[in-house]
């Protein structure tokens, strides 16, 4: 059983990395929309985070995989999983990044204005680099949470760690062994990435 479930765990890691990466890009855009003075952009950003954070991720996955075919859009389990997880992660990352930006001292913004930087230049060169150092622990927590949430994609026939264990259980009728291996692999993965983010946090905390 172990080699089969281990192969599924590789897919779990791939899904997590891709989803958090795309979610971070979405999060930056949405956070800037919510921090802008434009009411239209603020409303769109607020609605996005309200909707994605206010509904279960399982429901969102069902919508993309089972719901969209009714309007003529069919997605493979892989694409449905990536889209669903990335959009969900983006909503949480938007709030994490927004909090990081707000925690940057206001004097930094005033210094940017004094140097003649526009809004985009200020964010790119000064504010966001500092904000990312501040939000490293929160990003690590989001990554670990997403790593575990990928188990939900088993409900849309996506073969990852949990789905591999379910299939092995159904074929061998040995649930304890299958789910023990899956649980052990989840613990190994979460411990590994928790350690990585802890080391990254320590490195970035140096003045």
C-alpha atoms as a PDB file:
ATOM      1  CA  UNK A   1       0.000   0.000   0.000  1.00  0.00           C
ATOM      2  CA  UNK A   2       2.768   2.424   0.911  1.00  0.00           C
ATOM      3  CA  UNK A   3       4.166   3.064  -2.618  1.00  0.00           C
ATOM      4  CA  UNK A   4       0.660   3.770  -3.986  1.00  0.00           C
ATOM      5  CA  UNK A   5      -0.276   6.194  -1.196  1.00  0.00           C
ATOM      6  CA  UNK A   6       3.182   7.796  -1.396  1.00  0.00           C
ATOM      7  CA  UNK A   7       2.566   8.494  -5.077  1.00  0.00           C
ATOM      8  CA  UNK A   8      -0.714  10.140  -4.101  1.00  0.00           C
ATOM      9  CA  UNK A   9       1.111  12.287  -1.543  1.00  0.00           C
ATOM     10  CA  UNK A  10       3.305  13.690  -4.319  1.00  0.00           C
ATOM     11  CA  UNK A  11       0.145  14.885  -6.049  1.00  0.00           C
ATOM     12  CA  UNK A  12      -0.971  16.393  -2.727  1.00  0.00           C
ATOM     13  CA  UNK A  13       2.228  18.441  -2.519  1.00  0.00           C
ATOM     14  CA  UNK A  14       1.939  19.537  -6.154  1.00  0.00           C
ATOM     15  CA  UNK A  15      -1.657  20.662  -5.642  1.00  0.00           C
ATOM     16  CA  UNK A  16      -0.716  22.557  -2.492  1.00  0.00           C
ATOM     17  CA  UNK A  17       2.256  24.371  -4.035  1.00  0.00           C
ATOM     18  CA  UNK A  18       0.356  25.350  -7.188  1.00  0.00           C
ATOM     19  CA  UNK A  19      -2.747  26.436  -5.272  1.00  0.00           C
ATOM     20  CA  UNK A  20      -0.873  28.571  -2.731  1.00  0.00           C
ATOM     21  CA  UNK A  21       1.317  30.090  -5.457  1.00  0.00           C
ATOM     22  CA  UNK A  22      -1.668  31.070  -7.594  1.00  0.00           C
ATOM     23  CA  UNK A  23      -3.575  32.045  -4.466  1.00  0.00           C
ATOM     24  CA  UNK A  24      -0.738  34.401  -3.483  1.00  0.00           C
ATOM     25  CA  UNK A  25      -0.909  36.148  -6.856  1.00  0.00           C
ATOM     26  CA  UNK A  26      -4.679  36.474  -6.533  1.00  0.00           C
ATOM     27  CA  UNK A  27      -4.246  37.604  -2.932  1.00  0.00           C
ATOM     28  CA  UNK A  28      -1.875  40.424  -3.863  1.00  0.00           C
ATOM     29  CA  UNK A  29      -4.271  41.742  -6.516  1.00  0.00           C
ATOM     30  CA  UNK A  30      -7.345  41.481  -4.294  1.00  0.00           C
ATOM     31  CA  UNK A  31      -5.601  43.054  -1.288  1.00  0.00           C
ATOM     32  CA  UNK A  32      -4.503  46.016  -3.418  1.00  0.00           C
ATOM     33  CA  UNK A  33      -8.071  46.363  -4.679  1.00  0.00           C
ATOM     34  CA  UNK A  34      -9.375  46.460  -1.114  1.00  0.00           C
ATOM     35  CA  UNK A  35      -6.752  49.015  -0.087  1.00  0.00           C
ATOM     36  CA  UNK A  36      -7.309  51.288  -3.093  1.00  0.00           C
ATOM     37  CA  UNK A  37      -9.429  54.395  -2.862  1.00  0.00           C
ATOM     38  CA  UNK A  38     -11.559  53.221  -5.774  1.00  0.00           C
ATOM     39  CA  UNK A  39     -14.971  52.168  -4.420  1.00  0.00           C
ATOM     40  CA  UNK A  40     -15.639  49.911  -7.408  1.00  0.00           C
ATOM     41  CA  UNK A  41     -12.404  47.947  -6.942  1.00  0.00           C
ATOM     42  CA  UNK A  42     -12.936  47.840  -3.185  1.00  0.00           C
ATOM     43  CA  UNK A  43     -16.440  46.420  -3.667  1.00  0.00           C
ATOM     44  CA  UNK A  44     -15.216  43.713  -6.052  1.00  0.00           C
ATOM     45  CA  UNK A  45     -12.388  42.731  -3.703  1.00  0.00           C
ATOM     46  CA  UNK A  46     -14.703  42.718  -0.703  1.00  0.00           C
ATOM     47  CA  UNK A  47     -17.309  40.614  -2.494  1.00  0.00           C
ATOM     48  CA  UNK A  48     -14.663  38.102  -3.571  1.00  0.00           C
ATOM     49  CA  UNK A  49     -13.309  37.551  -0.068  1.00  0.00           C
ATOM     50  CA  UNK A  50     -16.833  37.531   1.407  1.00  0.00           C
ATOM     51  CA  UNK A  51     -17.999  34.848  -1.018  1.00  0.00           C
ATOM     52  CA  UNK A  52     -14.947  32.573  -0.999  1.00  0.00           C
ATOM     53  CA  UNK A  53     -14.332  32.744   2.751  1.00  0.00           C
ATOM     54  CA  UNK A  54     -18.013  32.448   3.585  1.00  0.00           C
ATOM     55  CA  UNK A  55     -18.714  29.215   1.712  1.00  0.00           C
ATOM     56  CA  UNK A  56     -17.169  25.765   2.312  1.00  0.00           C
ATOM     57  CA  UNK A  57     -14.285  24.789   0.054  1.00  0.00           C
ATOM     58  CA  UNK A  58     -16.053  21.468  -0.589  1.00  0.00           C
ATOM     59  CA  UNK A  59     -19.025  23.351  -2.027  1.00  0.00           C
ATOM     60  CA  UNK A  60     -16.700  25.373  -4.257  1.00  0.00           C
ATOM     61  CA  UNK A  61     -15.061  22.204  -5.587  1.00  0.00           C
ATOM     62  CA  UNK A  62     -18.472  20.698  -6.293  1.00  0.00           C
ATOM     63  CA  UNK A  63     -19.478  23.863  -8.154  1.00  0.00           C
ATOM     64  CA  UNK A  64     -16.471  23.751 -10.493  1.00  0.00           C
ATOM     65  CA  UNK A  65     -16.571  19.998 -11.118  1.00  0.00           C
ATOM     66  CA  UNK A  66     -20.272  19.100 -10.965  1.00  0.00           C
ATOM     67  CA  UNK A  67     -21.971  22.463 -11.472  1.00  0.00           C
ATOM     68  CA  UNK A  68     -20.203  24.002 -14.465  1.00  0.00           C
ATOM     69  CA  UNK A  69     -21.066  21.101 -16.850  1.00  0.00           C
ATOM     70  CA  UNK A  70     -24.705  22.256 -16.636  1.00  0.00           C
ATOM     71  CA  UNK A  71     -23.677  25.482 -18.404  1.00  0.00           C
ATOM     72  CA  UNK A  72     -21.496  23.677 -20.933  1.00  0.00           C
ATOM     73  CA  UNK A  73     -18.142  23.964 -19.157  1.00  0.00           C
ATOM     74  CA  UNK A  74     -16.487  20.652 -18.284  1.00  0.00           C
ATOM     75  CA  UNK A  75     -13.294  20.540 -16.271  1.00  0.00           C
ATOM     76  CA  UNK A  76     -11.049  17.606 -15.510  1.00  0.00           C
ATOM     77  CA  UNK A  77     -10.639  16.768 -11.810  1.00  0.00           C
ATOM     78  CA  UNK A  78      -7.152  18.304 -11.914  1.00  0.00           C
ATOM     79  CA  UNK A  79      -8.286  21.645 -13.328  1.00  0.00           C
ATOM     80  CA  UNK A  80     -11.347  21.782 -11.081  1.00  0.00           C
ATOM     81  CA  UNK A  81      -9.143  21.102  -8.061  1.00  0.00           C
ATOM     82  CA  UNK A  82      -6.542  23.725  -8.999  1.00  0.00           C
ATOM     83  CA  UNK A  83      -9.141  26.409  -9.749  1.00  0.00           C
ATOM     84  CA  UNK A  84     -11.188  25.693  -6.648  1.00  0.00           C
ATOM     85  CA  UNK A  85      -8.240  25.506  -4.266  1.00  0.00           C
ATOM     86  CA  UNK A  86      -6.459  28.521  -5.787  1.00  0.00           C
ATOM     87  CA  UNK A  87      -9.508  30.775  -5.605  1.00  0.00           C
ATOM     88  CA  UNK A  88     -10.173  29.717  -2.035  1.00  0.00           C
ATOM     89  CA  UNK A  89      -6.543  30.245  -1.044  1.00  0.00           C
ATOM     90  CA  UNK A  90      -6.578  33.621  -2.798  1.00  0.00           C
ATOM     91  CA  UNK A  91      -9.376  34.874  -0.554  1.00  0.00           C
ATOM     92  CA  UNK A  92      -7.446  34.014   2.605  1.00  0.00           C
ATOM     93  CA  UNK A  93      -4.136  35.234   1.203  1.00  0.00           C
ATOM     94  CA  UNK A  94      -5.770  38.558   0.322  1.00  0.00           C
ATOM     95  CA  UNK A  95      -6.617  39.183   3.971  1.00  0.00           C
ATOM     96  CA  UNK A  96      -3.190  37.995   5.122  1.00  0.00           C
ATOM     97  CA  UNK A  97      -1.396  40.286   2.654  1.00  0.00           C
ATOM     98  CA  UNK A  98      -3.723  43.204   3.404  1.00  0.00           C
ATOM     99  CA  UNK A  99      -2.926  42.845   7.097  1.00  0.00           C
ATOM    100  CA  UNK A 100       0.786  42.741   6.286  1.00  0.00           C
ATOM    101  CA  UNK A 101       0.571  45.920   4.206  1.00  0.00           C
ATOM    102  CA  UNK A 102      -1.356  47.747   6.923  1.00  0.00           C
ATOM    103  CA  UNK A 103       1.280  46.756   9.473  1.00  0.00           C
ATOM    104  CA  UNK A 104       4.032  48.533   7.529  1.00  0.00           C
ATOM    105  CA  UNK A 105       4.831  51.859   9.157  1.00  0.00           C
ATOM    106  CA  UNK A 106       3.078  54.815   7.549  1.00  0.00           C
ATOM    107  CA  UNK A 107       6.379  56.612   7.381  1.00  0.00           C
ATOM    108  CA  UNK A 108       7.392  54.213   4.611  1.00  0.00           C
ATOM    109  CA  UNK A 109       4.521  55.462   2.454  1.00  0.00           C
ATOM    110  CA  UNK A 110       5.437  59.081   3.157  1.00  0.00           C
ATOM    111  CA  UNK A 111       9.066  58.380   2.245  1.00  0.00           C
ATOM    112  CA  UNK A 112       7.931  56.869  -1.060  1.00  0.00           C
ATOM    113  CA  UNK A 113       5.918  59.978  -1.844  1.00  0.00           C
ATOM    114  CA  UNK A 114       8.904  62.158  -1.002  1.00  0.00           C
ATOM    115  CA  UNK A 115      10.994  60.134  -3.455  1.00  0.00           C
ATOM    116  CA  UNK A 116       8.378  60.612  -6.165  1.00  0.00           C
ATOM    117  CA  UNK A 117       7.233  56.979  -6.305  1.00  0.00           C
ATOM    118  CA  UNK A 118       3.754  56.293  -7.610  1.00  0.00           C
ATOM    119  CA  UNK A 119       1.401  53.751  -5.958  1.00  0.00           C
ATOM    120  CA  UNK A 120       2.648  50.754  -7.947  1.00  0.00           C
ATOM    121  CA  UNK A 121       6.321  51.616  -7.427  1.00  0.00           C
ATOM    122  CA  UNK A 122       5.770  52.142  -3.699  1.00  0.00           C
ATOM    123  CA  UNK A 123       4.106  48.762  -3.321  1.00  0.00           C
ATOM    124  CA  UNK A 124       6.579  46.881  -5.504  1.00  0.00           C
ATOM    125  CA  UNK A 125       9.851  48.351  -4.238  1.00  0.00           C
ATOM    126  CA  UNK A 126       9.159  49.233  -0.609  1.00  0.00           C
ATOM    127  CA  UNK A 127       5.892  48.083   0.973  1.00  0.00           C
ATOM    128  CA  UNK A 128       5.332  44.541  -0.327  1.00  0.00           C
ATOM    129  CA  UNK A 129       8.893  43.301   0.408  1.00  0.00           C
ATOM    130  CA  UNK A 130       8.456  44.396   4.029  1.00  0.00           C
ATOM    131  CA  UNK A 131       4.917  43.021   4.203  1.00  0.00           C
ATOM    132  CA  UNK A 132       6.001  39.585   2.979  1.00  0.00           C
ATOM    133  CA  UNK A 133       8.533  39.344   5.818  1.00  0.00           C
ATOM    134  CA  UNK A 134       5.785  40.154   8.316  1.00  0.00           C
ATOM    135  CA  UNK A 135       3.266  37.666   6.924  1.00  0.00           C
ATOM    136  CA  UNK A 136       5.636  34.686   6.600  1.00  0.00           C
ATOM    137  CA  UNK A 137       4.160  32.872   9.660  1.00  0.00           C
ATOM    138  CA  UNK A 138       0.604  33.395   8.389  1.00  0.00           C
ATOM    139  CA  UNK A 139       1.541  32.189   4.903  1.00  0.00           C
ATOM    140  CA  UNK A 140       3.063  29.097   6.475  1.00  0.00           C
ATOM    141  CA  UNK A 141      -0.189  28.413   8.326  1.00  0.00           C
ATOM    142  CA  UNK A 142      -2.170  28.861   5.110  1.00  0.00           C
ATOM    143  CA  UNK A 143       0.156  26.440   3.314  1.00  0.00           C
ATOM    144  CA  UNK A 144      -0.274  23.770   6.005  1.00  0.00           C
ATOM    145  CA  UNK A 145      -4.047  24.277   6.026  1.00  0.00           C
ATOM    146  CA  UNK A 146      -4.193  23.955   2.250  1.00  0.00           C
ATOM    147  CA  UNK A 147      -2.026  20.824   2.415  1.00  0.00           C
ATOM    148  CA  UNK A 148      -4.690  19.175   4.567  1.00  0.00           C
ATOM    149  CA  UNK A 149      -7.619  20.666   2.617  1.00  0.00           C
ATOM    150  CA  UNK A 150      -6.405  18.974  -0.562  1.00  0.00           C
ATOM    151  CA  UNK A 151      -7.906  15.789   0.896  1.00  0.00           C
ATOM    152  CA  UNK A 152     -11.295  17.228  -0.115  1.00  0.00           C
ATOM    153  CA  UNK A 153     -10.479  16.875  -3.812  1.00  0.00           C
ATOM    154  CA  UNK A 154     -10.932  13.126  -3.341  1.00  0.00           C
ATOM    155  CA  UNK A 155     -14.664  13.878  -3.558  1.00  0.00           C
ATOM    156  CA  UNK A 156     -14.274  14.902  -7.209  1.00  0.00           C
ATOM    157  CA  UNK A 157     -12.280  11.776  -8.145  1.00  0.00           C
ATOM    158  CA  UNK A 158      -8.901  13.492  -7.898  1.00  0.00           C
ATOM    159  CA  UNK A 159      -6.350  10.840  -6.930  1.00  0.00           C
ATOM    160  CA  UNK A 160      -4.139  12.213  -4.135  1.00  0.00           C
ATOM    161  CA  UNK A 161      -3.200  10.888  -0.704  1.00  0.00           C
ATOM    162  CA  UNK A 162      -6.714  10.498   0.689  1.00  0.00           C
ATOM    163  CA  UNK A 163      -8.221   9.164  -2.528  1.00  0.00           C
ATOM    164  CA  UNK A 164      -5.425   6.602  -2.835  1.00  0.00           C
ATOM    165  CA  UNK A 165      -6.162   5.380   0.695  1.00  0.00           C
ATOM    166  CA  UNK A 166      -9.895   5.163  -0.057  1.00  0.00           C
ATOM    167  CA  UNK A 167      -9.325   3.140  -3.224  1.00  0.00           C
ATOM    168  CA  UNK A 168      -6.967   0.764  -1.427  1.00  0.00           C
ATOM    169  CA  UNK A 169      -9.434   0.354   1.417  1.00  0.00           C
ATOM    170  CA  UNK A 170     -12.244  -0.448  -1.035  1.00  0.00           C
ATOM    171  CA  UNK A 171     -10.157  -3.072  -2.839  1.00  0.00           C
ATOM    172  CA  UNK A 172      -8.409  -4.696   0.127  1.00  0.00           C
ATOM    173  CA  UNK A 173     -10.903  -4.167   2.979  1.00  0.00           C
ATOM    174  CA  UNK A 174      -8.009  -3.118   5.244  1.00  0.00           C
ATOM    175  CA  UNK A 175      -9.078   0.368   6.362  1.00  0.00           C
ATOM    176  CA  UNK A 176      -6.791   0.620   9.392  1.00  0.00           C
ATOM    177  CA  UNK A 177      -3.644   0.020   7.354  1.00  0.00           C
ATOM    178  CA  UNK A 178      -4.628   2.300   4.473  1.00  0.00           C
ATOM    179  CA  UNK A 179      -5.703   5.230   6.622  1.00  0.00           C
ATOM    180  CA  UNK A 180      -2.796   4.803   9.055  1.00  0.00           C
ATOM    181  CA  UNK A 181      -0.326   5.131   6.169  1.00  0.00           C
ATOM    182  CA  UNK A 182      -2.212   8.148   4.795  1.00  0.00           C
ATOM    183  CA  UNK A 183      -2.306   9.826   8.206  1.00  0.00           C
ATOM    184  CA  UNK A 184       1.386   9.165   8.756  1.00  0.00           C
ATOM    185  CA  UNK A 185       2.267  10.709   5.396  1.00  0.00           C
ATOM    186  CA  UNK A 186       0.162  13.794   6.170  1.00  0.00           C
ATOM    187  CA  UNK A 187       2.024  14.161   9.475  1.00  0.00           C
ATOM    188  CA  UNK A 188       5.380  13.836   7.706  1.00  0.00           C
ATOM    189  CA  UNK A 189       4.418  16.431   5.092  1.00  0.00           C
ATOM    190  CA  UNK A 190       3.025  18.947   7.588  1.00  0.00           C
ATOM    191  CA  UNK A 191       6.049  18.511   9.866  1.00  0.00           C
ATOM    192  CA  UNK A 192       8.451  18.986   6.948  1.00  0.00           C
ATOM    193  CA  UNK A 193       6.828  22.165   5.669  1.00  0.00           C
ATOM    194  CA  UNK A 194       6.319  23.544   9.181  1.00  0.00           C
ATOM    195  CA  UNK A 195      10.070  23.181   9.697  1.00  0.00           C
ATOM    196  CA  UNK A 196      10.823  24.846   6.343  1.00  0.00           C
ATOM    197  CA  UNK A 197       8.622  27.859   7.136  1.00  0.00           C
ATOM    198  CA  UNK A 198      10.084  28.108  10.650  1.00  0.00           C
ATOM    199  CA  UNK A 199      13.596  28.310   9.198  1.00  0.00           C
ATOM    200  CA  UNK A 200      12.426  30.851   6.608  1.00  0.00           C
ATOM    201  CA  UNK A 201      10.795  32.935   9.327  1.00  0.00           C
ATOM    202  CA  UNK A 202      14.009  32.973  11.361  1.00  0.00           C
ATOM    203  CA  UNK A 203      16.044  33.964   8.306  1.00  0.00           C
ATOM    204  CA  UNK A 204      13.703  36.807   7.366  1.00  0.00           C
ATOM    205  CA  UNK A 205      13.531  38.073  10.951  1.00  0.00           C
ATOM    206  CA  UNK A 206      17.178  39.189  10.801  1.00  0.00           C
ATOM    207  CA  UNK A 207      17.372  42.989  10.661  1.00  0.00           C
END
